């Protein structure tokens, strides 16, 4: 585990250390009735759960699942729970769980590590905000370390400007899984969209169905831990493969680790290559001098540049979402009321601007591409006006969408 959610220490900002080089450019997990099985490493008792070891909400959620005689079966290790050796809707075995907790011997009673709590909520359709299946699995060790697995359809209503999921799972720390997979992984986060060939293509404007894994707050060390990243990448692929099998889909996704790029790290940039983009300059020298950037490594669905990150939230983000399935995350934001962005050709796309935030969704040959800049500091809002038009132009050139030229409206109040 890299960090846990109860870690109260401030996360490190990318302001020191050795910089990395600049970047180059059986129906067990389905939507039917949920049948929980007791993982073999469980040493806890039904009454122990009710003592409040886990949060009351989790206990209540599990109690809602264990209907009728299943609570008795849970206590006596009989019925459908007998011999159960898997967790998270039976997708993960004991080896997988051991790896997630840093290689602990989860079956060793003498060391006290055989006490990994596991709570699943049933996979069902969420009537609020999503028509896709949703569910959650939480694994927790005695020392409070926690792994959270979620199945959900990305919500395009709240997926934009300030969404926590985008902050965490589209972070520059995450590396694309490659191989045509829509997914990414770091040492504390991983996510993967269920392939369209299994679930069918989403309706226009809908977000993809994803499974994600989180291990707690991210402590921003200079370089991502490659070993932890590999573990999470393998775990999320295993979860999706299990979901696909439960849906009766053919085929399995291969181990992504051999094709992952080198781990991301903070680096010292040149004055004429802000966030590693050749020719992109800014008059806001305080960013270059104080907050070194971290940029997504390798080709993939997203290229993100994050600076001044605290508790998984970047103080400044420049992001290009290249995969149209993921660009849907910001589709509704691109049409919201406000100061509209104009392109030289109205057919090129649409977007909006407000102080400290700009977004443009372009109509490229490969589909929708989203360009975004955001800063939280009002005193740094000028950097959006300074960078965004040139950022969009240069990124569009890189992706083959050029020429693309946009104009920001006059500063509000002027």
Protein backbone atom coordinates (compact mmCIF):
# COMPACT_ATOMS: atom_id res chain seq x y z
CA UNK A 1 0.00 0.00 0.00
CA UNK A 2 1.31 3.42 -0.91
CA UNK A 3 -0.98 5.33 1.40
CA UNK A 4 -4.28 4.89 3.19
CA UNK A 5 -7.31 7.08 3.41
CA UNK A 6 -6.71 7.79 7.06
CA UNK A 7 -3.29 9.26 6.41
CA UNK A 8 -3.35 12.74 7.89
CA UNK A 9 0.00 13.84 6.59
CA UNK A 10 0.05 16.54 3.97
CA UNK A 11 0.87 15.21 0.55
CA UNK A 12 4.11 16.28 -1.02
CA UNK A 13 4.15 18.84 -3.77
CA UNK A 14 6.36 18.48 -6.81
CA UNK A 15 8.90 21.06 -5.79
CA UNK A 16 12.06 19.12 -4.99
CA UNK A 17 14.06 15.96 -5.54
CA UNK A 18 15.72 14.41 -8.54
CA UNK A 19 13.66 15.12 -11.63
CA UNK A 20 12.81 12.53 -14.21
CA UNK A 21 13.54 13.29 -17.83
CA UNK A 22 10.90 15.19 -19.75
CA UNK A 23 8.32 13.07 -21.56
CA UNK A 24 8.45 12.43 -25.27
CA UNK A 25 5.70 13.71 -26.43
CA UNK A 26 -19.61 -18.35 -13.90
CA UNK A 27 -21.94 -15.43 -13.66
CA UNK A 28 -20.13 -14.37 -10.52
CA UNK A 29 -19.68 -10.73 -11.39
CA UNK A 30 -22.80 -9.83 -13.26
CA UNK A 31 -25.89 -7.77 -12.79
CA UNK A 32 -28.02 -10.64 -11.47
CA UNK A 33 -28.74 -11.45 -7.81
CA UNK A 34 -25.69 -11.08 -5.61
CA UNK A 35 -24.49 -14.26 -3.88
CA UNK A 36 -21.64 -13.39 -1.49
CA UNK A 37 -18.98 -15.94 -0.63
CA UNK A 38 -16.77 -15.85 2.44
CA UNK A 39 -13.08 -15.43 1.52
CA UNK A 40 -10.94 -17.99 3.25
CA UNK A 41 -8.70 -15.41 4.90
CA UNK A 42 -11.65 -14.01 6.88
CA UNK A 43 -11.23 -14.59 10.59
CA UNK A 44 -14.02 -12.28 11.64
CA UNK A 45 -17.50 -13.07 12.79
CA UNK A 46 -20.92 -11.66 11.89
CA UNK A 47 -21.18 -10.00 15.32
CA UNK A 48 -17.69 -8.58 14.91
CA UNK A 49 -18.80 -6.68 11.84
CA UNK A 50 -21.65 -5.20 13.83
CA UNK A 51 -19.22 -4.01 16.55
CA UNK A 52 -18.36 -1.14 14.27
CA UNK A 53 -14.99 -2.16 12.87
CA UNK A 54 -16.14 -0.91 9.52
CA UNK A 55 -18.17 2.19 8.97
CA UNK A 56 -21.86 1.82 9.83
CA UNK A 57 -22.85 2.53 6.25
CA UNK A 58 -20.82 -0.42 5.04
CA UNK A 59 -22.24 -2.67 7.69
CA UNK A 60 -25.74 -1.58 6.76
CA UNK A 61 -25.02 -2.21 3.09
CA UNK A 62 -23.81 -5.74 3.81
CA UNK A 63 -26.74 -6.43 6.10
CA UNK A 64 -29.07 -5.53 3.24
CA UNK A 65 -27.39 -8.16 1.09
CA UNK A 66 -27.39 -10.99 3.62
CA UNK A 67 -31.08 -11.84 3.48
CA UNK A 68 -32.99 -14.72 5.08
CA UNK A 69 -30.78 -17.64 6.13
CA UNK A 70 -27.61 -16.27 4.65
CA UNK A 71 -26.55 -14.66 7.92
CA UNK A 72 -26.59 -18.10 9.58
CA UNK A 73 -24.55 -19.50 6.72
CA UNK A 74 -22.04 -16.68 7.21
CA UNK A 75 -21.58 -17.65 10.85
CA UNK A 76 -21.34 -21.39 10.42
CA UNK A 77 -19.46 -21.48 7.11
CA UNK A 78 -22.19 -23.58 5.54
CA UNK A 79 -24.45 -23.15 2.54
CA UNK A 80 -23.24 -20.96 -0.30
CA UNK A 81 -20.31 -19.63 1.74
CA UNK A 82 -18.68 -22.98 2.46
CA UNK A 83 -15.15 -23.15 1.13
CA UNK A 84 -15.27 -19.66 -0.30
CA UNK A 85 -11.79 -18.46 -1.24
CA UNK A 86 -12.40 -15.31 -3.26
CA UNK A 87 -13.23 -11.63 -2.73
CA UNK A 88 -14.84 -8.74 -4.63
CA UNK A 89 -17.67 -10.65 -6.26
CA UNK A 90 -15.33 -13.69 -6.40
CA UNK A 91 -13.04 -11.90 -8.87
CA UNK A 92 -9.92 -11.94 -6.66
CA UNK A 93 -8.23 -14.92 -5.03
CA UNK A 94 -6.00 -14.95 -1.97
CA UNK A 95 -2.86 -14.26 -4.02
CA UNK A 96 -4.47 -11.18 -5.56
CA UNK A 97 -5.49 -9.85 -2.15
CA UNK A 98 -2.04 -10.55 -0.72
CA UNK A 99 -0.46 -8.55 -3.54
CA UNK A 100 -2.79 -5.61 -3.00
CA UNK A 101 -1.65 -5.35 0.61
CA UNK A 102 2.01 -5.33 -0.21
CA UNK A 103 2.62 -9.07 -0.06
CA UNK A 104 1.28 -9.66 3.48
CA UNK A 105 0.82 -13.31 4.46
CA UNK A 106 -2.93 -13.09 4.82
CA UNK A 107 -3.26 -16.70 6.01
CA UNK A 108 -0.84 -16.46 8.92
CA UNK A 109 -2.81 -16.33 12.17
CA UNK A 110 0.36 -16.02 14.26
CA UNK A 111 1.31 -12.72 12.63
CA UNK A 112 -2.21 -11.31 12.88
CA UNK A 113 -2.34 -10.61 9.17
CA UNK A 114 -5.12 -13.14 8.50
CA UNK A 115 -7.75 -10.52 9.23
CA UNK A 116 -8.49 -8.78 5.93
CA UNK A 117 -12.09 -7.61 6.06
CA UNK A 118 -14.01 -7.76 2.80
CA UNK A 119 -17.41 -6.20 2.17
CA UNK A 120 -19.19 -6.24 -1.18
CA UNK A 121 -22.31 -4.37 -2.15
CA UNK A 122 -24.40 -5.97 -4.87
CA UNK A 123 -23.90 -5.05 -8.48
CA UNK A 124 -27.14 -3.46 -9.54
CA UNK A 125 -28.40 -0.63 -11.72
CA UNK A 126 -28.22 2.79 -10.09
CA UNK A 127 -31.55 4.61 -10.53
CA UNK A 128 -29.89 7.97 -9.90
CA UNK A 129 -27.57 9.37 -12.52
CA UNK A 130 -26.67 6.15 -14.29
CA UNK A 131 -28.37 3.35 -16.13
CA UNK A 132 -25.34 1.11 -15.94
CA UNK A 133 -24.50 -1.38 -13.19
CA UNK A 134 -22.81 -0.12 -10.06
CA UNK A 135 -21.31 -1.72 -6.99
CA UNK A 136 -18.48 -1.46 -4.51
CA UNK A 137 -16.04 -3.79 -2.77
CA UNK A 138 -13.90 -2.71 0.17
CA UNK A 139 -10.92 -4.64 1.53
CA UNK A 140 -9.39 -3.47 4.80
CA UNK A 141 -6.47 -4.73 6.87
CA UNK A 142 -6.10 -4.49 10.66
CA UNK A 143 -3.77 -1.49 10.36
CA UNK A 144 -6.47 0.48 8.52
CA UNK A 145 -5.05 0.11 5.01
CA UNK A 146 -7.90 -0.02 2.56
CA UNK A 147 -8.51 -0.93 -1.06
CA UNK A 148 -11.73 0.22 -2.71
CA UNK A 149 -13.08 -1.28 -5.94
CA UNK A 150 -15.95 0.38 -7.77
CA UNK A 151 -18.03 -0.59 -10.78
CA UNK A 152 -19.84 2.38 -12.28
CA UNK A 153 -20.73 4.23 -15.44
CA UNK A 154 -18.89 7.54 -15.62
CA UNK A 155 -21.39 10.28 -14.98
CA UNK A 156 -21.11 12.98 -17.64
CA UNK A 157 -23.20 15.42 -15.60
CA UNK A 158 -20.54 15.81 -12.94
CA UNK A 159 -17.48 14.47 -14.76
CA UNK A 160 -16.08 17.83 -15.71
CA UNK A 161 -14.73 20.91 -14.04
CA UNK A 162 -14.45 19.83 -10.41
CA UNK A 163 -15.10 16.10 -10.35
CA UNK A 164 -13.04 14.07 -7.91
CA UNK A 165 -12.89 11.03 -10.20
CA UNK A 166 -11.24 13.04 -12.97
CA UNK A 167 -8.80 14.59 -10.47
CA UNK A 168 -7.66 11.19 -9.27
CA UNK A 169 -8.05 8.79 -12.18
CA UNK A 170 -6.95 11.08 -15.01
CA UNK A 171 -3.93 12.24 -13.04
CA UNK A 172 -0.56 12.55 -14.76
CA UNK A 173 0.69 9.82 -12.40
CA UNK A 174 -1.36 7.22 -14.26
CA UNK A 175 0.10 5.41 -17.27
CA UNK A 176 -2.06 4.20 -20.17
CA UNK A 177 -2.59 0.44 -20.16
CA UNK A 178 -2.06 0.29 -23.93
CA UNK A 179 -3.08 -2.53 -26.23
CA UNK A 180 -6.25 -0.71 -27.25
CA UNK A 181 -7.53 -0.71 -23.66
CA UNK A 182 -9.30 2.37 -22.34
CA UNK A 183 -7.67 2.48 -18.93
CA UNK A 184 -4.73 3.68 -16.85
CA UNK A 185 -2.78 2.78 -13.71
CA UNK A 186 -0.49 4.35 -11.10
CA UNK A 187 0.83 3.21 -7.73
CA UNK A 188 -2.43 4.19 -5.96
CA UNK A 189 -5.10 4.22 -8.71
CA UNK A 190 -6.14 2.09 -11.66
CA UNK A 191 -9.19 2.04 -13.92
CA UNK A 192 -10.34 0.21 -17.02
CA UNK A 193 -13.43 0.55 -19.19
CA UNK A 194 -15.32 -2.64 -20.04
CA UNK A 195 -14.77 -3.11 -23.80
CA UNK A 196 -17.59 -2.08 -26.09
CA UNK A 197 -17.54 -5.56 -27.61
CA UNK A 198 -18.90 -6.93 -24.32
CA UNK A 199 -21.33 -4.26 -23.18
CA UNK A 200 -22.18 -2.63 -26.50
CA UNK A 201 -21.27 0.90 -27.45
CA UNK A 202 -22.55 3.59 -25.11
CA UNK A 203 -25.21 5.94 -26.36
CA UNK A 204 -23.99 9.29 -27.60
CA UNK A 205 -23.10 11.45 -24.62
CA UNK A 206 -22.97 8.57 -22.13
CA UNK A 207 -19.82 7.73 -20.22
CA UNK A 208 -18.19 4.29 -20.42
CA UNK A 209 -18.70 1.55 -17.83
CA UNK A 210 -15.50 1.35 -15.79
CA UNK A 211 -14.05 -0.64 -12.92
CA UNK A 212 -11.56 1.26 -10.80
CA UNK A 213 -9.30 0.48 -7.84
CA UNK A 214 -8.03 2.96 -5.25
CA UNK A 215 -5.67 2.39 -2.32
CA UNK A 216 -6.07 5.71 -0.49
CA UNK A 217 -4.57 9.17 -0.65
CA UNK A 218 -1.71 9.65 -3.07
CA UNK A 219 1.55 10.79 -1.54
CA UNK A 220 3.27 12.65 -4.35
CA UNK A 221 6.77 11.27 -4.31
CA UNK A 222 8.95 12.38 -7.17
CA UNK A 223 8.51 9.16 -9.15
CA UNK A 224 5.64 6.68 -9.31
CA UNK A 225 6.38 3.30 -7.68
CA UNK A 226 6.50 0.91 -10.63
CA UNK A 227 5.97 -2.25 -8.57
CA UNK A 228 2.78 -0.96 -6.98
CA UNK A 229 1.58 0.34 -10.35
CA UNK A 230 2.04 -3.10 -11.92
CA UNK A 231 0.02 -4.73 -9.14
CA UNK A 232 -2.91 -2.40 -9.63
CA UNK A 233 -2.77 -2.71 -13.42
CA UNK A 234 -2.99 -6.50 -13.19
CA UNK A 235 -5.76 -6.28 -10.60
CA UNK A 236 -8.03 -4.04 -12.62
CA UNK A 237 -7.59 -6.19 -15.74
CA UNK A 238 -8.46 -9.28 -13.69
CA UNK A 239 -11.60 -7.56 -12.39
CA UNK A 240 -12.75 -6.62 -15.89
CA UNK A 241 -12.01 -10.09 -17.24
CA UNK A 242 -14.13 -11.56 -14.45
CA UNK A 243 -16.96 -9.14 -15.19
CA UNK A 244 -16.83 -10.05 -18.88
CA UNK A 245 -16.95 -13.77 -18.06
CA UNK A 246 -19.97 -13.17 -15.84
CA UNK A 247 -21.69 -11.41 -18.74
CA UNK A 248 -20.98 -14.31 -21.09
CA UNK A 249 -18.52 -12.31 -23.20
CA UNK A 250 -15.87 -14.18 -25.14
CA UNK A 251 -12.17 -13.57 -24.77
CA UNK A 252 -9.94 -12.18 -22.04
CA UNK A 253 -7.72 -9.11 -21.80
CA UNK A 254 -3.98 -9.78 -21.67
CA UNK A 255 -1.61 -8.78 -18.88
CA UNK A 256 -0.89 -5.08 -19.52
CA UNK A 257 2.32 -4.81 -17.50
CA UNK A 258 4.84 -5.76 -20.25
CA UNK A 259 3.68 -2.82 -22.39
CA UNK A 260 3.42 -0.14 -19.68
CA UNK A 261 5.65 2.92 -20.19
CA UNK A 262 8.23 3.93 -17.63
CA UNK A 263 6.71 5.44 -14.47
CA UNK A 264 5.95 9.16 -14.51
CA UNK A 265 7.98 11.61 -12.44
CA UNK A 266 8.37 15.33 -11.89
CA UNK A 267 10.89 16.95 -14.22
CA UNK A 268 12.58 20.28 -14.84
CA UNK A 269 11.24 21.87 -18.00
CA UNK A 270 12.69 24.32 -20.48
CA UNK A 271 11.36 27.85 -20.62
CA UNK A 272 10.02 27.29 -24.14
CA UNK A 273 8.32 23.96 -23.45
CA UNK A 274 5.71 24.45 -20.73
CA UNK A 275 4.49 21.02 -19.59
CA UNK A 276 6.87 19.50 -22.11
CA UNK A 277 5.08 21.01 -25.14
CA UNK A 278 7.56 22.48 -27.59
CA UNK A 279 6.99 26.19 -28.20
CA UNK A 280 4.43 26.63 -25.41
CA UNK A 281 5.48 29.53 -23.20
CA UNK A 282 3.87 31.43 -20.36
CA UNK A 283 4.51 34.74 -18.68
CA UNK A 284 3.64 33.10 -15.37
CA UNK A 285 7.21 32.22 -14.49
CA UNK A 286 6.21 31.39 -10.93
CA UNK A 287 4.83 28.08 -12.18
CA UNK A 288 8.04 27.10 -13.91
CA UNK A 289 10.19 28.19 -10.98
CA UNK A 290 8.13 26.79 -8.11
CA UNK A 291 6.00 23.88 -9.31
CA UNK A 292 7.66 21.29 -11.49
CA UNK A 293 5.30 19.40 -13.80
CA UNK A 294 4.39 15.74 -14.05
CA UNK A 295 3.13 14.61 -17.45
CA UNK A 296 1.45 11.39 -18.58
CA UNK A 297 3.98 8.93 -19.98
CA UNK A 298 3.26 7.06 -23.22
CA UNK A 299 0.46 7.32 -25.80
CA UNK A 300 -3.04 6.71 -24.52
CA UNK A 301 -6.52 8.10 -23.96
CA UNK A 302 -5.33 11.16 -21.98
CA UNK A 303 -2.33 13.44 -21.83
CA UNK A 304 -2.34 15.29 -18.50
CA UNK A 305 0.09 17.81 -17.04
CA UNK A 306 -0.35 18.39 -13.29
CA UNK A 307 1.41 20.92 -11.07
CA UNK A 308 1.06 21.89 -7.39
CA UNK A 309 -0.84 18.74 -6.37
CA UNK A 310 -2.26 18.36 -2.85
CA UNK A 311 -4.54 15.52 -1.70
CA UNK A 312 -5.00 14.28 -5.27
CA UNK A 313 -6.11 17.71 -6.50
CA UNK A 314 -3.89 19.66 -8.92
CA UNK A 315 -3.51 23.41 -8.50
CA UNK A 316 -2.96 23.66 -12.25
CA UNK A 317 -3.95 21.09 -14.87
CA UNK A 318 -3.57 21.03 -18.64
CA UNK A 319 -5.34 17.99 -20.10
CA UNK A 320 -6.11 16.59 -23.53
CA UNK A 321 -8.61 13.71 -23.68
CA UNK A 322 -7.91 11.93 -26.93
CA UNK A 323 -10.28 8.95 -26.74
CA UNK A 324 -13.85 9.93 -27.80
CA UNK A 325 -15.37 7.43 -25.35
CA UNK A 326 -13.69 9.25 -22.47
CA UNK A 327 -14.15 12.72 -23.97
CA UNK A 328 -17.87 12.15 -23.33
CA UNK A 329 -17.03 12.84 -19.68
CA UNK A 330 -16.95 16.55 -20.53
CA UNK A 331 -19.59 16.63 -23.25
CA UNK A 332 -22.21 18.41 -21.17
CA UNK A 333 -19.70 20.89 -19.76
CA UNK A 334 -18.80 21.96 -23.29
CA UNK A 335 -22.36 23.18 -23.85
CA UNK A 336 -23.01 24.87 -20.54
CA UNK A 337 -24.04 28.50 -20.30
CA UNK A 338 -21.28 31.03 -19.87
CA UNK A 339 -18.66 32.74 -21.96
CA UNK A 340 -18.60 30.71 -25.15
CA UNK A 341 -15.37 30.00 -26.96
CA UNK A 342 -15.27 30.60 -30.68
CA UNK A 343 -13.26 28.74 -33.27
CA UNK A 344 -12.24 30.18 -36.61
CA UNK A 345 -14.56 27.59 -38.18
CA UNK A 346 -17.77 27.05 -36.13
CA UNK A 347 -17.74 23.41 -37.23
CA UNK A 348 -14.45 22.83 -35.40
CA UNK A 349 -16.14 22.42 -32.01
CA UNK A 350 -17.46 24.24 -28.96
CA UNK A 351 -16.43 25.22 -25.48
CA UNK A 352 -16.62 27.79 -22.71
CA UNK A 353 -14.45 29.97 -20.55
CA UNK A 354 -14.59 31.41 -17.07
CA UNK A 355 -11.79 32.89 -14.98
CA UNK A 356 -9.41 30.08 -14.14
CA UNK A 357 -11.04 27.50 -16.42
CA UNK A 358 -11.32 26.87 -20.15
CA UNK A 359 -12.61 23.84 -22.06
CA UNK A 360 -12.99 23.17 -25.77
CA UNK A 361 -14.33 20.00 -27.36
CA UNK A 362 -13.10 19.65 -30.92
CA UNK A 363 -14.51 17.61 -33.78
CA UNK A 364 -11.44 15.72 -34.95
CA UNK A 365 -11.08 13.00 -37.57
CA UNK A 366 -10.92 10.35 -34.84
CA UNK A 367 -13.94 11.76 -32.98
CA UNK A 368 -14.38 14.22 -30.14
CA UNK A 369 -11.23 15.45 -28.39
CA UNK A 370 -11.41 17.57 -25.22
CA UNK A 371 -8.85 20.25 -24.32
CA UNK A 372 -8.92 21.66 -20.78
CA UNK A 373 -6.97 24.06 -18.58
CA UNK A 374 -7.86 24.68 -14.94
CA UNK A 375 -6.33 26.55 -12.03
CA UNK A 376 -7.77 27.01 -8.55
CA UNK A 377 -5.91 30.17 -7.62
CA UNK A 378 -7.67 33.39 -8.64
CA UNK A 379 -4.29 35.11 -8.78
CA UNK A 380 -3.19 32.60 -11.42
CA UNK A 381 -6.29 32.87 -13.61
CA UNK A 382 -4.29 34.83 -16.18
CA UNK A 383 -2.38 31.70 -17.08
CA UNK A 384 -5.53 30.25 -18.64
CA UNK A 385 -5.90 33.22 -20.96
CA UNK A 386 -2.19 33.16 -21.74
CA UNK A 387 -1.90 29.48 -22.53
CA UNK A 388 -5.20 28.05 -23.69
CA UNK A 389 -5.45 29.22 -27.32
CA UNK A 390 -1.85 28.18 -28.02
CA UNK A 391 -2.24 24.97 -26.04
CA UNK A 392 -5.27 23.95 -28.12
CA UNK A 393 -3.48 24.83 -31.37
CA UNK A 394 -0.34 22.84 -30.53
CA UNK A 395 -2.17 19.81 -29.18
CA UNK A 396 -4.49 19.79 -32.20
CA UNK A 397 -1.41 19.73 -34.42
CA UNK A 398 0.04 16.82 -32.47
CA UNK A 399 -3.21 14.85 -32.89
CA UNK A 400 -3.74 15.72 -36.55
CA UNK A 401 -6.74 17.97 -35.87
CA UNK A 402 -5.00 21.12 -37.10
CA UNK A 403 -5.50 23.83 -37.99
CA UNK A 404 -7.55 24.71 -34.92
CA UNK A 405 -7.67 28.29 -33.71
CA UNK A 406 -9.92 29.55 -30.92
CA UNK A 407 -10.52 32.98 -29.44
CA UNK A 408 -11.30 33.69 -25.79
CA UNK A 409 -13.96 36.27 -24.99
CA UNK A 410 -12.96 39.53 -23.28
CA UNK A 411 -12.16 39.29 -19.58
CA UNK A 412 -15.48 39.34 -17.65
CA UNK A 413 -16.19 42.78 -16.22
CA UNK A 414 -14.04 44.57 -18.77
